[in-house]
Amino acid sequence: MNWRITLFPLALVIAGCSTPPNQIVPFRDGVLRAMTYTQASDYCSAKGQDPKWLGKAPAESGVLFQCQ
């Protein structure tokens, strides 16, 4: 059996699980969640708005904000 065929899928799984998500997620009623303050600020700046910080997301999974 070729060991490269066995290790390649394992390497893909490990690499995929170690990268943090970097997207903005709608949370509730116009509230958005981002992984970092910088990411949230960049998102609002791209829309020509300022971020309004609402605090940490549940389970310390990022920050909650709105663009205004």
PDB file of N, CA and C in Angstrom:
ATOM      1  N   MET A   1       0.845  -1.178   0.000  1.00  0.00           N
ATOM      2  CA  MET A   1       0.000   0.000   0.000  1.00  0.00           C
ATOM      3  C   MET A   1       0.894   1.245   0.000  1.00  0.00           C
ATOM      4  N   ASN A   2       0.508   2.205  -0.753  1.00  0.00           N
ATOM      5  CA  ASN A   2       1.273   3.428  -0.861  1.00  0.00           C
ATOM      6  C   ASN A   2       0.930   4.338   0.333  1.00  0.00           C
ATOM      7  N   TRP A   3       1.929   4.679   1.143  1.00  0.00           N
ATOM      8  CA  TRP A   3       1.694   5.453   2.360  1.00  0.00           C
ATOM      9  C   TRP A   3       1.287   6.896   2.060  1.00  0.00           C
ATOM     10  N   ARG A   4       1.662   7.428   0.903  1.00  0.00           N
ATOM     11  CA  ARG A   4       1.275   8.798   0.547  1.00  0.00           C
ATOM     12  C   ARG A   4      -0.231   8.918   0.335  1.00  0.00           C
ATOM     13  N   ILE A   5      -0.835   7.898  -0.196  1.00  0.00           N
ATOM     14  CA  ILE A   5      -2.289   7.925  -0.412  1.00  0.00           C
ATOM     15  C   ILE A   5      -3.014   7.962   0.926  1.00  0.00           C
ATOM     16  N   THR A   6      -2.459   7.340   1.931  1.00  0.00           N
ATOM     17  CA  THR A   6      -3.074   7.313   3.251  1.00  0.00           C
ATOM     18  C   THR A   6      -2.855   8.627   3.998  1.00  0.00           C
ATOM     19  N   LEU A   7      -1.674   9.208   3.890  1.00  0.00           N
ATOM     20  CA  LEU A   7      -1.364  10.413   4.649  1.00  0.00           C
ATOM     21  C   LEU A   7      -1.919  11.696   4.036  1.00  0.00           C
ATOM     22  N   PHE A   8      -2.144  11.731   2.748  1.00  0.00           N
ATOM     23  CA  PHE A   8      -2.633  12.939   2.101  1.00  0.00           C
ATOM     24  C   PHE A   8      -3.995  13.375   2.631  1.00  0.00           C
ATOM     25  N   PRO A   9      -5.006  12.499   2.697  1.00  0.00           N
ATOM     26  CA  PRO A   9      -6.302  12.930   3.258  1.00  0.00           C
ATOM     27  C   PRO A   9      -6.185  13.354   4.721  1.00  0.00           C
ATOM     28  N   LEU A  10      -5.332  12.682   5.480  1.00  0.00           N
ATOM     29  CA  LEU A  10      -5.141  13.049   6.877  1.00  0.00           C
ATOM     30  C   LEU A  10      -4.546  14.453   6.985  1.00  0.00           C
ATOM     31  N   ALA A  11      -3.597  14.780   6.140  1.00  0.00           N
ATOM     32  CA  ALA A  11      -2.993  16.109   6.139  1.00  0.00           C
ATOM     33  C   ALA A  11      -4.024  17.183   5.772  1.00  0.00           C
ATOM     34  N   LEU A  12      -4.911  16.883   4.849  1.00  0.00           N
ATOM     35  CA  LEU A  12      -5.958  17.836   4.474  1.00  0.00           C
ATOM     36  C   LEU A  12      -6.910  18.103   5.627  1.00  0.00           C
ATOM     37  N   VAL A  13      -7.265  17.075   6.350  1.00  0.00           N
ATOM     38  CA  VAL A  13      -8.171  17.230   7.494  1.00  0.00           C
ATOM     39  C   VAL A  13      -7.521  18.072   8.575  1.00  0.00           C
ATOM     40  N   ILE A  14      -6.273  17.794   8.880  1.00  0.00           N
ATOM     41  CA  ILE A  14      -5.569  18.557   9.912  1.00  0.00           C
ATOM     42  C   ILE A  14      -5.428  20.019   9.495  1.00  0.00           C
ATOM     43  N   ALA A  15      -5.081  20.277   8.261  1.00  0.00           N
ATOM     44  CA  ALA A  15      -4.921  21.648   7.784  1.00  0.00           C
ATOM     45  C   ALA A  15      -6.252  22.390   7.784  1.00  0.00           C
ATOM     46  N   GLY A  16      -7.320  21.725   7.426  1.00  0.00           N
ATOM     47  CA  GLY A  16      -8.636  22.354   7.395  1.00  0.00           C
ATOM     48  C   GLY A  16      -9.165  22.675   8.774  1.00  0.00           C
ATOM     49  N   CYS A  17      -8.854  21.861   9.743  1.00  0.00           N
ATOM     50  CA  CYS A  17      -9.351  22.081  11.100  1.00  0.00           C
ATOM     51  C   CYS A  17      -8.550  23.136  11.847  1.00  0.00           C
ATOM     52  N   SER A  18      -7.370  23.429  11.399  1.00  0.00           N
ATOM     53  CA  SER A  18      -6.534  24.365  12.143  1.00  0.00           C
ATOM     54  C   SER A  18      -6.693  25.807  11.681  1.00  0.00           C
ATOM     55  N   THR A  19      -7.392  26.052  10.596  1.00  0.00           N
ATOM     56  CA  THR A  19      -7.575  27.418  10.132  1.00  0.00           C
ATOM     57  C   THR A  19      -8.839  28.010  10.735  1.00  0.00           C
ATOM     58  N   PRO A  20      -8.728  29.186  11.351  1.00  0.00           N
ATOM     59  CA  PRO A  20      -9.907  29.800  11.969  1.00  0.00           C
ATOM     60  C   PRO A  20     -10.855  30.354  10.917  1.00  0.00           C
ATOM     61  N   PRO A  21     -12.141  30.354  11.196  1.00  0.00           N
ATOM     62  CA  PRO A  21     -13.083  30.950  10.253  1.00  0.00           C
ATOM     63  C   PRO A  21     -12.886  32.456  10.218  1.00  0.00           C
ATOM     64  N   ASN A  22     -13.059  33.048   9.067  1.00  0.00           N
ATOM     65  CA  ASN A  22     -12.834  34.490   8.949  1.00  0.00           C
ATOM     66  C   ASN A  22     -13.987  35.176   8.249  1.00  0.00           C
ATOM     67  N   GLN A  23     -15.175  34.844   8.642  1.00  0.00           N
ATOM     68  CA  GLN A  23     -16.315  35.444   7.984  1.00  0.00           C
ATOM     69  C   GLN A  23     -17.195  36.165   8.993  1.00  0.00           C
ATOM     70  N   ILE A  24     -18.016  37.043   8.492  1.00  0.00           N
ATOM     71  CA  ILE A  24     -18.983  37.770   9.305  1.00  0.00           C
ATOM     72  C   ILE A  24     -20.282  36.963   9.278  1.00  0.00           C
ATOM     73  N   VAL A  25     -20.848  36.712  10.452  1.00  0.00           N
ATOM     74  CA  VAL A  25     -22.037  35.872  10.555  1.00  0.00           C
ATOM     75  C   VAL A  25     -23.187  36.691  11.130  1.00  0.00           C
ATOM     76  N   PRO A  26     -24.346  36.716  10.442  1.00  0.00           N
ATOM     77  CA  PRO A  26     -25.519  37.371  11.031  1.00  0.00           C
ATOM     78  C   PRO A  26     -25.930  36.608  12.282  1.00  0.00           C
ATOM     79  N   PHE A  27     -26.157  37.334  13.371  1.00  0.00           N
ATOM     80  CA  PHE A  27     -26.445  36.677  14.639  1.00  0.00           C
ATOM     81  C   PHE A  27     -27.919  36.779  14.992  1.00  0.00           C
ATOM     82  N   ARG A  28     -28.436  38.003  15.100  1.00  0.00           N
ATOM     83  CA  ARG A  28     -29.867  38.208  15.359  1.00  0.00           C
ATOM     84  C   ARG A  28     -30.217  39.674  15.146  1.00  0.00           C
ATOM     85  N   ASP A  29     -31.352  39.967  14.624  1.00  0.00           N
ATOM     86  CA  ASP A  29     -31.909  41.320  14.478  1.00  0.00           C
ATOM     87  C   ASP A  29     -30.877  42.396  14.118  1.00  0.00           C
ATOM     88  N   GLY A  30     -30.141  42.180  13.055  1.00  0.00           N
ATOM     89  CA  GLY A  30     -29.178  43.166  12.602  1.00  0.00           C
ATOM     90  C   GLY A  30     -27.837  43.120  13.308  1.00  0.00           C
ATOM     91  N   VAL A  31     -27.704  42.233  14.285  1.00  0.00           N
ATOM     92  CA  VAL A  31     -26.437  42.069  14.999  1.00  0.00           C
ATOM     93  C   VAL A  31     -25.581  41.085  14.213  1.00  0.00           C
ATOM     94  N   LEU A  32     -24.298  41.408  14.102  1.00  0.00           N
ATOM     95  CA  LEU A  32     -23.362  40.556  13.367  1.00  0.00           C
ATOM     96  C   LEU A  32     -22.292  40.041  14.317  1.00  0.00           C
ATOM     97  N   ARG A  33     -21.680  38.926  13.948  1.00  0.00           N
ATOM     98  CA  ARG A  33     -20.586  38.373  14.738  1.00  0.00           C
ATOM     99  C   ARG A  33     -19.351  38.220  13.874  1.00  0.00           C
ATOM    100  N   ALA A  34     -18.213  38.656  14.404  1.00  0.00           N
ATOM    101  CA  ALA A  34     -16.926  38.490  13.728  1.00  0.00           C
ATOM    102  C   ALA A  34     -15.969  37.854  14.721  1.00  0.00           C
ATOM    103  N   MET A  35     -14.908  37.266  14.222  1.00  0.00           N
ATOM    104  CA  MET A  35     -13.933  36.628  15.098  1.00  0.00           C
ATOM    105  C   MET A  35     -13.071  37.669  15.826  1.00  0.00           C
ATOM    106  N   THR A  36     -12.807  38.825  15.191  1.00  0.00           N
ATOM    107  CA  THR A  36     -11.954  39.845  15.803  1.00  0.00           C
ATOM    108  C   THR A  36     -12.561  41.228  15.603  1.00  0.00           C
ATOM    109  N   TYR A  37     -12.110  42.174  16.426  1.00  0.00           N
ATOM    110  CA  TYR A  37     -12.536  43.565  16.277  1.00  0.00           C
ATOM    111  C   TYR A  37     -12.071  44.133  14.940  1.00  0.00           C
ATOM    112  N   THR A  38     -10.887  43.777  14.525  1.00  0.00           N
ATOM    113  CA  THR A  38     -10.340  44.278  13.261  1.00  0.00           C
ATOM    114  C   THR A  38     -11.195  43.830  12.086  1.00  0.00           C
ATOM    115  N   GLN A  39     -11.586  42.584  12.106  1.00  0.00           N
ATOM    116  CA  GLN A  39     -12.419  42.043  11.035  1.00  0.00           C
ATOM    117  C   GLN A  39     -13.764  42.769  10.988  1.00  0.00           C
ATOM    118  N   ALA A  40     -14.346  43.023  12.137  1.00  0.00           N
ATOM    119  CA  ALA A  40     -15.623  43.740  12.195  1.00  0.00           C
ATOM    120  C   ALA A  40     -15.463  45.171  11.706  1.00  0.00           C
ATOM    121  N   SER A  41     -14.401  45.822  12.118  1.00  0.00           N
ATOM    122  CA  SER A  41     -14.149  47.195  11.694  1.00  0.00           C
ATOM    123  C   SER A  41     -13.944  47.281  10.181  1.00  0.00           C
ATOM    124  N   ASP A  42     -13.189  46.353   9.631  1.00  0.00           N
ATOM    125  CA  ASP A  42     -12.966  46.321   8.178  1.00  0.00           C
ATOM    126  C   ASP A  42     -14.272  46.099   7.426  1.00  0.00           C
ATOM    127  N   TYR A  43     -15.130  45.236   7.962  1.00  0.00           N
ATOM    128  CA  TYR A  43     -16.418  44.944   7.326  1.00  0.00           C
ATOM    129  C   TYR A  43     -17.282  46.199   7.252  1.00  0.00           C
ATOM    130  N   CYS A  44     -17.362  46.938   8.363  1.00  0.00           N
ATOM    131  CA  CYS A  44     -18.170  48.161   8.380  1.00  0.00           C
ATOM    132  C   CYS A  44     -17.536  49.252   7.517  1.00  0.00           C
ATOM    133  N   SER A  45     -16.221  49.352   7.554  1.00  0.00           N
ATOM    134  CA  SER A  45     -15.530  50.363   6.745  1.00  0.00           C
ATOM    135  C   SER A  45     -15.779  50.148   5.257  1.00  0.00           C
ATOM    136  N   ALA A  46     -15.853  48.902   4.831  1.00  0.00           N
ATOM    137  CA  ALA A  46     -16.118  48.600   3.425  1.00  0.00           C
ATOM    138  C   ALA A  46     -17.509  49.080   3.008  1.00  0.00           C
ATOM    139  N   LYS A  47     -18.420  49.189   3.976  1.00  0.00           N
ATOM    140  CA  LYS A  47     -19.768  49.676   3.697  1.00  0.00           C
ATOM    141  C   LYS A  47     -19.895  51.177   3.948  1.00  0.00           C
ATOM    142  N   GLY A  48     -18.785  51.820   4.361  1.00  0.00           N
ATOM    143  CA  GLY A  48     -18.817  53.249   4.638  1.00  0.00           C
ATOM    144  C   GLY A  48     -19.506  53.588   5.945  1.00  0.00           C
ATOM    145  N   GLN A  49     -19.507  52.655   6.882  1.00  0.00           N
ATOM    146  CA  GLN A  49     -20.166  52.858   8.171  1.00  0.00           C
ATOM    147  C   GLN A  49     -19.178  52.628   9.307  1.00  0.00           C
ATOM    148  N   ASP A  50     -19.611  52.975  10.519  1.00  0.00           N
ATOM    149  CA  ASP A  50     -18.796  52.750  11.711  1.00  0.00           C
ATOM    150  C   ASP A  50     -19.380  51.589  12.513  1.00  0.00           C
ATOM    151  N   PRO A  51     -18.524  50.796  13.146  1.00  0.00           N
ATOM    152  CA  PRO A  51     -19.032  49.692  13.966  1.00  0.00           C
ATOM    153  C   PRO A  51     -19.513  50.186  15.331  1.00  0.00           C
ATOM    154  N   LYS A  52     -20.586  49.597  15.794  1.00  0.00           N
ATOM    155  CA  LYS A  52     -21.071  49.828  17.153  1.00  0.00           C
ATOM    156  C   LYS A  52     -20.852  48.507  17.891  1.00  0.00           C
ATOM    157  N   TRP A  53     -19.975  48.530  18.891  1.00  0.00           N
ATOM    158  CA  TRP A  53     -19.611  47.306  19.604  1.00  0.00           C
ATOM    159  C   TRP A  53     -20.692  46.943  20.606  1.00  0.00           C
ATOM    160  N   LEU A  54     -21.104  45.689  20.595  1.00  0.00           N
ATOM    161  CA  LEU A  54     -22.158  45.209  21.489  1.00  0.00           C
ATOM    162  C   LEU A  54     -21.636  44.220  22.524  1.00  0.00           C
ATOM    163  N   GLY A  55     -20.381  43.856  22.442  1.00  0.00           N
ATOM    164  CA  GLY A  55     -19.801  42.950  23.436  1.00  0.00           C
ATOM    165  C   GLY A  55     -19.283  41.668  22.809  1.00  0.00           C
ATOM    166  N   LYS A  56     -18.974  40.735  23.691  1.00  0.00           N
ATOM    167  CA  LYS A  56     -18.457  39.452  23.236  1.00  0.00           C
ATOM    168  C   LYS A  56     -19.598  38.531  22.833  1.00  0.00           C
ATOM    169  N   ALA A  57     -19.335  37.685  21.851  1.00  0.00           N
ATOM    170  CA  ALA A  57     -20.323  36.707  21.410  1.00  0.00           C
ATOM    171  C   ALA A  57     -20.400  35.580  22.440  1.00  0.00           C
ATOM    172  N   PRO A  58     -21.497  34.851  22.467  1.00  0.00           N
ATOM    173  CA  PRO A  58     -21.621  33.730  23.399  1.00  0.00           C
ATOM    174  C   PRO A  58     -20.472  32.744  23.253  1.00  0.00           C
ATOM    175  N   ALA A  59     -20.058  32.189  24.354  1.00  0.00           N
ATOM    176  CA  ALA A  59     -18.999  31.189  24.420  1.00  0.00           C
ATOM    177  C   ALA A  59     -17.660  31.741  23.924  1.00  0.00           C
ATOM    178  N   GLU A  60     -17.484  33.068  24.067  1.00  0.00           N
ATOM    179  CA  GLU A  60     -16.218  33.702  23.673  1.00  0.00           C
ATOM    180  C   GLU A  60     -15.849  33.402  22.223  1.00  0.00           C
ATOM    181  N   SER A  61     -16.866  33.334  21.342  1.00  0.00           N
ATOM    182  CA  SER A  61     -16.636  32.955  19.946  1.00  0.00           C
ATOM    183  C   SER A  61     -16.460  34.155  19.020  1.00  0.00           C
ATOM    184  N   GLY A  62     -16.076  35.291  19.555  1.00  0.00           N
ATOM    185  CA  GLY A  62     -15.870  36.470  18.731  1.00  0.00           C
ATOM    186  C   GLY A  62     -16.508  37.692  19.371  1.00  0.00           C
ATOM    187  N   VAL A  63     -16.814  38.680  18.547  1.00  0.00           N
ATOM    188  CA  VAL A  63     -17.427  39.923  19.033  1.00  0.00           C
ATOM    189  C   VAL A  63     -18.739  40.175  18.295  1.00  0.00           C
ATOM    190  N   LEU A  64     -19.655  40.814  19.001  1.00  0.00           N
ATOM    191  CA  LEU A  64     -20.940  41.208  18.412  1.00  0.00           C
ATOM    192  C   LEU A  64     -20.866  42.693  18.070  1.00  0.00           C
ATOM    193  N   PHE A  65     -21.440  43.065  16.927  1.00  0.00           N
ATOM    194  CA  PHE A  65     -21.410  44.464  16.496  1.00  0.00           C
ATOM    195  C   PHE A  65     -22.513  44.731  15.511  1.00  0.00           C
ATOM    196  N   GLN A  66     -22.744  46.019  15.267  1.00  0.00           N
ATOM    197  CA  GLN A  66     -23.650  46.482  14.220  1.00  0.00           C
ATOM    198  C   GLN A  66     -22.931  47.570  13.452  1.00  0.00           C
ATOM    199  N   CYS A  67     -23.234  47.688  12.182  1.00  0.00           N
ATOM    200  CA  CYS A  67     -22.683  48.777  11.379  1.00  0.00           C
ATOM    201  C   CYS A  67     -23.694  49.915  11.358  1.00  0.00           C
ATOM    202  N   GLN A  68     -23.218  51.124  11.672  1.00  0.00           N
ATOM    203  CA  GLN A  68     -24.126  52.281  11.700  1.00  0.00           C
ATOM    204  C   GLN A  68     -23.536  53.414  10.928  1.00  0.00           C
TER     205      GLN A  68
END
